[in-house]
Amino acid sequence: MPRRARIQRRETVPDAVFKSRTITKFTNKVMKGGKKGLAERIMYDMLEIVGNQTNRDSMEVFEQAMRNATPVLEVKPKRVGGATLQVPVDIKGERRQSLAIRWLLRSARARNGRSMSEKLAAEVIDAANNTGATIKRREDTHKMAEANKAYAHYKW
């Protein structure tokens, strides 16, 4: 982390098929060990499975799942007078999307299923329908922020 200059964020290149930056970010998070071709195949297979199972546009279902999985509030620990308080804070756009992607992937990897694309498709469909482990995670985060609303004045 540089002391003087601000860090320049690299612009994400849209993916080749859907021209979506979100798909590219999701693909990069799916990728393990630098195997981007495999990650892209998993993503495109997942979108095809979602399209076949829902009889709707797969991009539309994916975007709905991302919207439903995106959190608004989170809690951050802050030390006040020897006690550590959980202070609710609003989440900025980049981190919101990053958390939603991370939660969807973690839930999909924890599922039982045959292939990663099928597990990911099932999790995306559940998230689009406001059910599943990812939505539960978002709701738990919001509940924790709501429960600690009394400490909101400690925001920094």
Protein backbone atom coordinates (compact mmCIF):
# COMPACT_ATOMS: atom_id res chain seq x y z
CA MET A 1 0.00 0.00 0.00
CA PRO A 2 1.68 3.22 -1.11
CA ARG A 3 2.07 6.07 1.34
CA ARG A 4 1.62 8.95 -1.09
CA ALA A 5 -0.19 8.10 -4.33
CA ARG A 6 -3.71 6.77 -4.51
CA ILE A 7 -4.07 3.24 -5.85
CA GLN A 8 -5.40 3.17 -9.40
CA ARG A 9 -8.17 0.58 -9.76
CA ARG A 10 -7.86 -1.56 -12.86
CA GLU A 11 -10.88 -1.47 -15.13
CA THR A 12 -12.55 -4.88 -15.51
CA VAL A 13 -12.90 -6.02 -19.11
CA PRO A 14 -16.42 -7.27 -19.98
CA ASP A 15 -16.70 -10.97 -20.83
CA ALA A 16 -16.79 -12.08 -24.46
CA VAL A 17 -20.27 -13.65 -24.58
CA PHE A 18 -22.56 -11.47 -22.43
CA LYS A 19 -20.49 -8.23 -22.39
CA SER A 20 -20.91 -8.06 -18.61
CA ARG A 21 -18.35 -6.88 -16.08
CA THR A 22 -20.18 -8.75 -13.31
CA ILE A 23 -19.72 -12.05 -15.17
CA THR A 24 -16.00 -11.30 -15.51
CA LYS A 25 -15.64 -10.55 -11.79
CA PHE A 26 -17.60 -13.68 -10.92
CA THR A 27 -15.44 -15.77 -13.28
CA ASN A 28 -12.27 -14.41 -11.68
CA LYS A 29 -13.57 -15.43 -8.23
CA VAL A 30 -14.53 -18.92 -9.48
CA MET A 31 -11.02 -19.35 -10.88
CA LYS A 32 -8.56 -21.42 -8.86
CA GLY A 33 -4.88 -21.80 -9.65
CA GLY A 34 -4.97 -19.48 -12.68
CA LYS A 35 -7.23 -21.79 -14.71
CA LYS A 36 -9.38 -19.11 -16.31
CA GLY A 37 -10.55 -21.32 -19.18
CA LEU A 38 -12.02 -23.81 -16.73
CA ALA A 39 -13.62 -20.99 -14.71
CA GLU A 40 -15.22 -19.55 -17.86
CA ARG A 41 -16.52 -22.98 -18.86
CA ILE A 42 -18.05 -23.39 -15.38
CA MET A 43 -19.69 -19.97 -15.62
CA TYR A 44 -21.14 -20.42 -19.11
CA ASP A 45 -22.36 -23.95 -18.27
CA MET A 46 -23.98 -22.53 -15.12
CA LEU A 47 -25.76 -19.81 -17.12
CA GLU A 48 -26.98 -22.40 -19.63
CA ILE A 49 -28.32 -24.63 -16.83
CA VAL A 50 -30.05 -21.63 -15.21
CA GLY A 51 -31.67 -20.71 -18.54
CA ASN A 52 -32.91 -24.28 -19.10
CA GLN A 53 -34.27 -24.76 -15.58
CA THR A 54 -36.04 -21.42 -15.23
CA ASN A 55 -37.23 -20.92 -18.84
CA ARG A 56 -36.13 -17.29 -18.49
CA ASP A 57 -33.15 -15.31 -19.74
CA SER A 58 -30.16 -16.62 -17.75
CA MET A 59 -28.55 -13.16 -17.45
CA GLU A 60 -31.77 -11.78 -16.02
CA VAL A 61 -31.92 -14.57 -13.41
CA PHE A 62 -28.22 -14.08 -12.57
CA GLU A 63 -28.65 -10.31 -12.12
CA GLN A 64 -31.74 -10.89 -9.94
CA ALA A 65 -29.72 -13.32 -7.80
CA MET A 66 -26.91 -10.77 -7.45
CA ARG A 67 -29.40 -8.05 -6.42
CA ASN A 68 -31.01 -10.34 -3.84
CA ALA A 69 -27.65 -11.46 -2.42
CA THR A 70 -26.18 -7.95 -2.14
CA PRO A 71 -26.04 -6.67 1.46
CA VAL A 72 -26.71 -3.05 2.45
CA LEU A 73 -25.38 -3.00 6.03
CA GLU A 74 -22.64 -4.81 7.92
CA VAL A 75 -21.09 -4.54 11.36
CA LYS A 76 -17.50 -3.52 12.03
CA PRO A 77 -15.78 -3.89 15.39
CA LYS A 78 -14.74 -0.67 17.16
CA ARG A 79 -12.96 -0.44 20.49
CA VAL A 80 -14.61 2.01 22.84
CA GLY A 81 -13.37 2.29 26.42
CA GLY A 82 -11.99 -1.24 26.64
CA ALA A 83 -15.05 -2.84 25.09
CA THR A 84 -15.32 -3.94 21.47
CA LEU A 85 -18.63 -2.84 19.99
CA GLN A 86 -20.16 -4.08 16.77
CA VAL A 87 -20.97 -0.85 14.91
CA PRO A 88 -23.36 -1.05 11.93
CA VAL A 89 -22.06 0.72 8.79
CA ASP A 90 -23.33 1.14 5.24
CA ILE A 91 -21.47 -0.81 2.55
CA LYS A 92 -20.11 0.95 -0.54
CA GLY A 93 -20.83 -0.39 -4.05
CA GLU A 94 -17.62 -2.31 -4.84
CA ARG A 95 -17.64 -4.15 -1.51
CA ARG A 96 -21.36 -4.92 -1.81
CA GLN A 97 -20.84 -6.72 -5.09
CA SER A 98 -17.72 -8.45 -3.81
CA LEU A 99 -19.54 -9.80 -0.75
CA ALA A 100 -22.47 -11.03 -2.86
CA ILE A 101 -20.11 -12.88 -5.22
CA ARG A 102 -18.11 -14.34 -2.33
CA TRP A 103 -21.24 -15.53 -0.50
CA LEU A 104 -22.76 -17.10 -3.63
CA LEU A 105 -19.55 -19.01 -4.33
CA ARG A 106 -19.07 -20.15 -0.74
CA SER A 107 -22.65 -21.44 -0.58
CA ALA A 108 -22.33 -23.17 -3.96
CA ARG A 109 -19.06 -24.88 -2.97
CA ALA A 110 -20.67 -26.14 0.25
CA ARG A 111 -23.60 -27.72 -1.64
CA ASN A 112 -23.86 -31.37 -2.56
CA GLY A 113 -24.01 -31.92 -6.29
CA ARG A 114 -22.29 -33.41 -9.27
CA SER A 115 -20.39 -30.53 -10.84
CA MET A 116 -19.49 -27.01 -9.80
CA SER A 117 -21.61 -25.52 -12.59
CA GLU A 118 -24.68 -27.44 -11.37
CA LYS A 119 -24.09 -26.44 -7.73
CA LEU A 120 -23.57 -22.81 -8.76
CA ALA A 121 -26.69 -22.88 -10.95
CA ALA A 122 -28.78 -24.22 -8.05
CA GLU A 123 -27.45 -21.52 -5.72
CA VAL A 124 -28.09 -18.75 -8.28
CA ILE A 125 -31.65 -19.97 -8.84
CA ASP A 126 -32.24 -20.10 -5.07
CA ALA A 127 -30.82 -16.60 -4.64
CA ALA A 128 -33.01 -15.29 -7.46
CA ASN A 129 -36.03 -16.78 -5.64
CA ASN A 130 -34.93 -15.20 -2.29
CA THR A 131 -34.12 -18.56 -0.68
CA GLY A 132 -30.94 -20.52 0.02
CA ALA A 133 -27.79 -20.15 2.09
CA THR A 134 -26.64 -16.92 0.47
CA ILE A 135 -29.87 -15.09 1.28
CA LYS A 136 -29.74 -16.46 4.83
CA ARG A 137 -26.22 -15.06 5.16
CA ARG A 138 -27.39 -11.62 3.98
CA GLU A 139 -30.37 -11.70 6.34
CA ASP A 140 -28.13 -12.67 9.27
CA THR A 141 -25.79 -9.78 8.46
CA HIS A 142 -28.72 -7.35 8.34
CA LYS A 143 -30.17 -8.73 11.60
CA MET A 144 -26.83 -8.26 13.34
CA ALA A 145 -26.63 -4.67 12.08
CA GLU A 146 -30.22 -4.04 13.20
CA ALA A 147 -29.54 -5.52 16.65
CA ASN A 148 -26.53 -3.23 17.12
CA LYS A 149 -28.32 -0.12 15.86
CA ALA A 150 -27.81 1.49 19.28
CA TYR A 151 -24.08 1.83 18.49
CA ALA A 152 -24.62 3.51 15.12
CA HIS A 153 -23.43 6.87 16.49
CA TYR A 154 -19.91 5.39 16.81
CA LYS A 155 -19.52 5.34 13.01
CA TRP A 156 -16.18 6.68 11.90
